[in-house]
């Protein structure tokens, strides 16, 4: 996982004030690499304007802090441009996931939230009834795996069974759950068949 810190890259900045020539050299290298950096960022984020903004932000980050000592500044800048693109995509992904959680869109435009909740509740009741109807050992294996997160090998060892026996019990439990959802439920008022 690439982490993009507040600094553009993971290189320790120089502690002393840099001579004016270092800033001029940085500016010259940055300007010579700018189009390459923008192209790299554009390929990752898919927007030329966003790529230009991100590269401009990268320039400002460098300009506002002491310059770093690196062997090859042009390569370093390209790597930092790639990192800033990844950072941007991560933040956009986080924002999109957060907004998806806030927006609820009915799937067919007819089904409302209360109706969906009612149907989900019915499905849950069917599955619970199917689990209650299972033999005790099968139900226990299912709950250990699906609720408590135990692996088949752990369950087999704890219950003194073979792993294949645990797998068979799980297949039986899962099939019962699936079958309970396939059964026709009583007709919900106001819902077309």
C-alpha atoms as a PDB file:
ATOM      1  CA  UNK A   1       0.000   0.000   0.000  1.00  0.00           C
ATOM      2  CA  UNK A   2       1.470   3.355  -1.000  1.00  0.00           C
ATOM      3  CA  UNK A   3       1.020   6.016   1.616  1.00  0.00           C
ATOM      4  CA  UNK A   4       1.163   9.657   0.597  1.00  0.00           C
ATOM      5  CA  UNK A   5       2.347  11.706   3.572  1.00  0.00           C
ATOM      6  CA  UNK A   6       2.001  15.457   3.951  1.00  0.00           C
ATOM      7  CA  UNK A   7       5.404  15.649   2.306  1.00  0.00           C
ATOM      8  CA  UNK A   8       5.310  14.667  -1.397  1.00  0.00           C
ATOM      9  CA  UNK A   9       7.703  11.718  -0.886  1.00  0.00           C
ATOM     10  CA  UNK A  10       9.431   9.842   1.878  1.00  0.00           C
ATOM     11  CA  UNK A  11      12.761  11.682   1.722  1.00  0.00           C
ATOM     12  CA  UNK A  12      14.074  13.655   4.665  1.00  0.00           C
ATOM     13  CA  UNK A  13      14.230  17.391   3.795  1.00  0.00           C
ATOM     14  CA  UNK A  14      17.438  19.323   4.255  1.00  0.00           C
ATOM     15  CA  UNK A  15      17.687  21.060   7.583  1.00  0.00           C
ATOM     16  CA  UNK A  16      19.590  24.162   6.450  1.00  0.00           C
ATOM     17  CA  UNK A  17      18.458  26.953   4.145  1.00  0.00           C
ATOM     18  CA  UNK A  18      19.151  26.060   0.550  1.00  0.00           C
ATOM     19  CA  UNK A  19      21.042  28.434  -1.692  1.00  0.00           C
ATOM     20  CA  UNK A  20      19.029  30.383  -4.229  1.00  0.00           C
ATOM     21  CA  UNK A  21      20.559  28.249  -7.002  1.00  0.00           C
ATOM     22  CA  UNK A  22      18.802  25.133  -5.646  1.00  0.00           C
ATOM     23  CA  UNK A  23      15.399  26.789  -6.052  1.00  0.00           C
ATOM     24  CA  UNK A  24      16.272  27.842  -9.588  1.00  0.00           C
ATOM     25  CA  UNK A  25      17.419  24.285 -10.374  1.00  0.00           C
ATOM     26  CA  UNK A  26      14.218  22.871  -8.863  1.00  0.00           C
ATOM     27  CA  UNK A  27      12.084  25.278 -10.907  1.00  0.00           C
ATOM     28  CA  UNK A  28      13.943  24.382 -14.106  1.00  0.00           C
ATOM     29  CA  UNK A  29      13.570  20.620 -13.527  1.00  0.00           C
ATOM     30  CA  UNK A  30       9.937  20.945 -12.440  1.00  0.00           C
ATOM     31  CA  UNK A  31       9.013  22.944 -15.540  1.00  0.00           C
ATOM     32  CA  UNK A  32      10.829  20.480 -17.795  1.00  0.00           C
ATOM     33  CA  UNK A  33       8.926  17.567 -16.194  1.00  0.00           C
ATOM     34  CA  UNK A  34       5.551  19.302 -15.830  1.00  0.00           C
ATOM     35  CA  UNK A  35       3.982  17.947 -19.019  1.00  0.00           C
ATOM     36  CA  UNK A  36       5.168  14.403 -18.220  1.00  0.00           C
ATOM     37  CA  UNK A  37       3.818  14.649 -14.679  1.00  0.00           C
ATOM     38  CA  UNK A  38       0.468  15.959 -15.918  1.00  0.00           C
ATOM     39  CA  UNK A  39       0.264  13.145 -18.495  1.00  0.00           C
ATOM     40  CA  UNK A  40       1.032  10.547 -15.811  1.00  0.00           C
ATOM     41  CA  UNK A  41      -1.563  11.958 -13.421  1.00  0.00           C
ATOM     42  CA  UNK A  42      -4.102  12.327 -16.255  1.00  0.00           C
ATOM     43  CA  UNK A  43      -3.720   8.626 -17.139  1.00  0.00           C
ATOM     44  CA  UNK A  44      -4.481   7.692 -13.530  1.00  0.00           C
ATOM     45  CA  UNK A  45      -7.295  10.116 -12.701  1.00  0.00           C
ATOM     46  CA  UNK A  46      -8.816  10.415 -16.178  1.00  0.00           C
ATOM     47  CA  UNK A  47      -9.202  14.205 -16.192  1.00  0.00           C
ATOM     48  CA  UNK A  48      -6.749  16.669 -17.699  1.00  0.00           C
ATOM     49  CA  UNK A  49      -7.936  19.621 -15.575  1.00  0.00           C
ATOM     50  CA  UNK A  50      -7.678  17.609 -12.349  1.00  0.00           C
ATOM     51  CA  UNK A  51      -4.217  16.422 -13.384  1.00  0.00           C
ATOM     52  CA  UNK A  52      -3.075  20.023 -13.939  1.00  0.00           C
ATOM     53  CA  UNK A  53      -4.485  21.040 -10.538  1.00  0.00           C
ATOM     54  CA  UNK A  54      -2.778  18.140  -8.774  1.00  0.00           C
ATOM     55  CA  UNK A  55       0.588  18.896 -10.370  1.00  0.00           C
ATOM     56  CA  UNK A  56       0.178  22.559  -9.386  1.00  0.00           C
ATOM     57  CA  UNK A  57      -0.542  21.446  -5.802  1.00  0.00           C
ATOM     58  CA  UNK A  58       2.586  19.317  -5.926  1.00  0.00           C
ATOM     59  CA  UNK A  59       4.622  22.335  -7.003  1.00  0.00           C
ATOM     60  CA  UNK A  60       3.234  24.399  -4.126  1.00  0.00           C
ATOM     61  CA  UNK A  61       4.025  21.671  -1.615  1.00  0.00           C
ATOM     62  CA  UNK A  62       7.636  21.669  -2.724  1.00  0.00           C
ATOM     63  CA  UNK A  63       7.903  25.431  -2.971  1.00  0.00           C
ATOM     64  CA  UNK A  64       6.573  26.081   0.547  1.00  0.00           C
ATOM     65  CA  UNK A  65       9.032  23.808   2.332  1.00  0.00           C
ATOM     66  CA  UNK A  66      12.761  23.190   2.246  1.00  0.00           C
ATOM     67  CA  UNK A  67      13.885  21.352  -0.863  1.00  0.00           C
ATOM     68  CA  UNK A  68      14.881  17.722  -0.567  1.00  0.00           C
ATOM     69  CA  UNK A  69      18.253  16.242  -1.467  1.00  0.00           C
ATOM     70  CA  UNK A  70      17.763  13.493  -4.052  1.00  0.00           C
ATOM     71  CA  UNK A  71      19.970  11.864  -6.654  1.00  0.00           C
ATOM     72  CA  UNK A  72      17.660  12.352  -9.621  1.00  0.00           C
ATOM     73  CA  UNK A  73      15.122  15.152  -9.106  1.00  0.00           C
ATOM     74  CA  UNK A  74      13.187  14.451 -12.320  1.00  0.00           C
ATOM     75  CA  UNK A  75      12.559  10.814 -11.345  1.00  0.00           C
ATOM     76  CA  UNK A  76      11.638  11.878  -7.832  1.00  0.00           C
ATOM     77  CA  UNK A  77       9.097  14.388  -9.167  1.00  0.00           C
ATOM     78  CA  UNK A  78       7.496  11.756 -11.410  1.00  0.00           C
ATOM     79  CA  UNK A  79       7.217   9.349  -8.494  1.00  0.00           C
ATOM     80  CA  UNK A  80       5.654  12.094  -6.364  1.00  0.00           C
ATOM     81  CA  UNK A  81       3.204  12.907  -9.169  1.00  0.00           C
ATOM     82  CA  UNK A  82       2.161   9.252  -9.287  1.00  0.00           C
ATOM     83  CA  UNK A  83       1.715   9.274  -5.507  1.00  0.00           C
ATOM     84  CA  UNK A  84      -0.403  12.421  -5.554  1.00  0.00           C
ATOM     85  CA  UNK A  85      -2.646  10.822  -8.218  1.00  0.00           C
ATOM     86  CA  UNK A  86      -3.098   7.722  -6.053  1.00  0.00           C
ATOM     87  CA  UNK A  87      -3.850   9.907  -3.036  1.00  0.00           C
ATOM     88  CA  UNK A  88      -6.465  11.801  -5.059  1.00  0.00           C
ATOM     89  CA  UNK A  89      -8.124   8.564  -6.236  1.00  0.00           C
ATOM     90  CA  UNK A  90      -8.253   7.262  -2.673  1.00  0.00           C
ATOM     91  CA  UNK A  91      -9.881  10.425  -1.382  1.00  0.00           C
ATOM     92  CA  UNK A  92     -12.377  10.404  -4.264  1.00  0.00           C
ATOM     93  CA  UNK A  93     -13.181   6.747  -3.555  1.00  0.00           C
ATOM     94  CA  UNK A  94     -13.753   7.528   0.118  1.00  0.00           C
ATOM     95  CA  UNK A  95     -16.008  10.434  -0.783  1.00  0.00           C
ATOM     96  CA  UNK A  96     -17.974   8.301  -3.245  1.00  0.00           C
ATOM     97  CA  UNK A  97     -18.468   5.505  -0.695  1.00  0.00           C
ATOM     98  CA  UNK A  98     -19.599   8.025   1.900  1.00  0.00           C
ATOM     99  CA  UNK A  99     -22.114   9.634  -0.455  1.00  0.00           C
ATOM    100  CA  UNK A 100     -23.416   6.219  -1.590  1.00  0.00           C
ATOM    101  CA  UNK A 101     -24.204   5.457   2.022  1.00  0.00           C
ATOM    102  CA  UNK A 102     -26.265   8.619   2.260  1.00  0.00           C
ATOM    103  CA  UNK A 103     -28.232   8.139  -0.965  1.00  0.00           C
ATOM    104  CA  UNK A 104     -30.861   5.441  -1.227  1.00  0.00           C
ATOM    105  CA  UNK A 105     -32.216   4.802  -4.682  1.00  0.00           C
ATOM    106  CA  UNK A 106     -35.139   2.446  -5.167  1.00  0.00           C
ATOM    107  CA  UNK A 107     -34.160  -0.280  -7.627  1.00  0.00           C
ATOM    108  CA  UNK A 108     -37.274  -0.121  -9.789  1.00  0.00           C
ATOM    109  CA  UNK A 109     -38.729   3.223  -8.795  1.00  0.00           C
ATOM    110  CA  UNK A 110     -41.789   1.490  -7.296  1.00  0.00           C
ATOM    111  CA  UNK A 111     -40.302  -0.212  -4.243  1.00  0.00           C
ATOM    112  CA  UNK A 112     -40.073   2.106  -1.277  1.00  0.00           C
ATOM    113  CA  UNK A 113     -37.732   1.914   1.700  1.00  0.00           C
ATOM    114  CA  UNK A 114     -40.416   0.587   4.082  1.00  0.00           C
ATOM    115  CA  UNK A 115     -41.357  -2.080   1.545  1.00  0.00           C
ATOM    116  CA  UNK A 116     -37.716  -3.158   1.157  1.00  0.00           C
ATOM    117  CA  UNK A 117     -37.304  -3.283   4.934  1.00  0.00           C
ATOM    118  CA  UNK A 118     -40.444  -5.407   5.232  1.00  0.00           C
ATOM    119  CA  UNK A 119     -39.172  -7.826   2.592  1.00  0.00           C
ATOM    120  CA  UNK A 120     -35.739  -8.038   4.239  1.00  0.00           C
ATOM    121  CA  UNK A 121     -37.430  -8.754   7.575  1.00  0.00           C
ATOM    122  CA  UNK A 122     -39.471 -11.527   5.967  1.00  0.00           C
ATOM    123  CA  UNK A 123     -36.337 -13.026   4.423  1.00  0.00           C
ATOM    124  CA  UNK A 124     -34.590 -12.930   7.793  1.00  0.00           C
ATOM    125  CA  UNK A 125     -37.514 -14.690   9.486  1.00  0.00           C
ATOM    126  CA  UNK A 126     -37.442 -17.417   6.785  1.00  0.00           C
ATOM    127  CA  UNK A 127     -33.703 -17.973   7.266  1.00  0.00           C
ATOM    128  CA  UNK A 128     -34.032 -18.044  11.070  1.00  0.00           C
ATOM    129  CA  UNK A 129     -36.826 -20.637  10.795  1.00  0.00           C
ATOM    130  CA  UNK A 130     -34.689 -22.745   8.447  1.00  0.00           C
ATOM    131  CA  UNK A 131     -31.752 -22.584  10.887  1.00  0.00           C
ATOM    132  CA  UNK A 132     -33.987 -23.580  13.826  1.00  0.00           C
ATOM    133  CA  UNK A 133     -35.189 -26.607  11.841  1.00  0.00           C
ATOM    134  CA  UNK A 134     -31.620 -27.878  11.301  1.00  0.00           C
ATOM    135  CA  UNK A 135     -30.116 -30.580  13.488  1.00  0.00           C
ATOM    136  CA  UNK A 136     -28.314 -29.079  16.512  1.00  0.00           C
ATOM    137  CA  UNK A 137     -24.790 -29.998  15.328  1.00  0.00           C
ATOM    138  CA  UNK A 138     -25.379 -28.519  11.837  1.00  0.00           C
ATOM    139  CA  UNK A 139     -26.791 -25.310  13.315  1.00  0.00           C
ATOM    140  CA  UNK A 140     -23.859 -25.054  15.752  1.00  0.00           C
ATOM    141  CA  UNK A 141     -21.290 -25.511  12.951  1.00  0.00           C
ATOM    142  CA  UNK A 142     -23.071 -22.901  10.831  1.00  0.00           C
ATOM    143  CA  UNK A 143     -23.101 -20.358  13.671  1.00  0.00           C
ATOM    144  CA  UNK A 144     -19.441 -20.998  14.547  1.00  0.00           C
ATOM    145  CA  UNK A 145     -18.444 -20.349  10.959  1.00  0.00           C
ATOM    146  CA  UNK A 146     -20.777 -17.541   9.879  1.00  0.00           C
ATOM    147  CA  UNK A 147     -21.307 -15.668  13.135  1.00  0.00           C
ATOM    148  CA  UNK A 148     -18.100 -16.321  15.067  1.00  0.00           C
ATOM    149  CA  UNK A 149     -15.770 -16.441  12.036  1.00  0.00           C
ATOM    150  CA  UNK A 150     -14.235 -19.850  12.816  1.00  0.00           C
ATOM    151  CA  UNK A 151     -12.534 -21.747   9.993  1.00  0.00           C
ATOM    152  CA  UNK A 152     -13.629 -25.252   9.069  1.00  0.00           C
ATOM    153  CA  UNK A 153     -10.390 -26.759  10.433  1.00  0.00           C
ATOM    154  CA  UNK A 154     -10.878 -24.998  13.790  1.00  0.00           C
ATOM    155  CA  UNK A 155     -14.477 -26.191  14.031  1.00  0.00           C
ATOM    156  CA  UNK A 156     -13.468 -29.747  13.111  1.00  0.00           C
ATOM    157  CA  UNK A 157     -10.786 -29.832  15.803  1.00  0.00           C
ATOM    158  CA  UNK A 158     -13.056 -28.317  18.480  1.00  0.00           C
ATOM    159  CA  UNK A 159     -15.950 -30.671  17.723  1.00  0.00           C
ATOM    160  CA  UNK A 160     -13.884 -33.804  17.084  1.00  0.00           C
ATOM    161  CA  UNK A 161     -15.011 -34.107  13.465  1.00  0.00           C
ATOM    162  CA  UNK A 162     -13.218 -34.361  10.148  1.00  0.00           C
ATOM    163  CA  UNK A 163     -13.004 -31.224   8.058  1.00  0.00           C
ATOM    164  CA  UNK A 164     -15.052 -32.880   5.310  1.00  0.00           C
ATOM    165  CA  UNK A 165     -17.820 -33.578   7.853  1.00  0.00           C
ATOM    166  CA  UNK A 166     -17.827 -29.902   8.804  1.00  0.00           C
ATOM    167  CA  UNK A 167     -18.000 -28.970   5.115  1.00  0.00           C
ATOM    168  CA  UNK A 168     -20.998 -31.300   4.626  1.00  0.00           C
ATOM    169  CA  UNK A 169     -22.811 -29.775   7.606  1.00  0.00           C
ATOM    170  CA  UNK A 170     -22.133 -26.287   6.200  1.00  0.00           C
ATOM    171  CA  UNK A 171     -23.429 -27.276   2.760  1.00  0.00           C
ATOM    172  CA  UNK A 172     -26.590 -28.636   4.376  1.00  0.00           C
ATOM    173  CA  UNK A 173     -27.088 -25.424   6.379  1.00  0.00           C
ATOM    174  CA  UNK A 174     -26.448 -23.144   3.404  1.00  0.00           C
ATOM    175  CA  UNK A 175     -28.804 -25.143   1.200  1.00  0.00           C
ATOM    176  CA  UNK A 176     -31.524 -24.877   3.859  1.00  0.00           C
ATOM    177  CA  UNK A 177     -31.033 -21.095   4.012  1.00  0.00           C
ATOM    178  CA  UNK A 178     -31.196 -20.775   0.220  1.00  0.00           C
ATOM    179  CA  UNK A 179     -34.279 -22.976   0.031  1.00  0.00           C
ATOM    180  CA  UNK A 180     -36.029 -20.868   2.667  1.00  0.00           C
ATOM    181  CA  UNK A 181     -35.546 -17.796   0.491  1.00  0.00           C
ATOM    182  CA  UNK A 182     -36.882 -19.550  -2.621  1.00  0.00           C
ATOM    183  CA  UNK A 183     -40.131 -20.512  -0.900  1.00  0.00           C
ATOM    184  CA  UNK A 184     -42.998 -18.228  -1.862  1.00  0.00           C
ATOM    185  CA  UNK A 185     -43.830 -15.883   0.965  1.00  0.00           C
ATOM    186  CA  UNK A 186     -47.337 -14.673   1.771  1.00  0.00           C
ATOM    187  CA  UNK A 187     -48.346 -11.870  -0.524  1.00  0.00           C
ATOM    188  CA  UNK A 188     -47.434  -8.453   0.815  1.00  0.00           C
ATOM    189  CA  UNK A 189     -50.315  -5.968   0.726  1.00  0.00           C
ATOM    190  CA  UNK A 190     -50.087  -3.524  -2.152  1.00  0.00           C
ATOM    191  CA  UNK A 191     -47.442  -5.522  -3.994  1.00  0.00           C
ATOM    192  CA  UNK A 192     -48.146  -6.927  -7.419  1.00  0.00           C
ATOM    193  CA  UNK A 193     -47.412 -10.672  -7.984  1.00  0.00           C
END
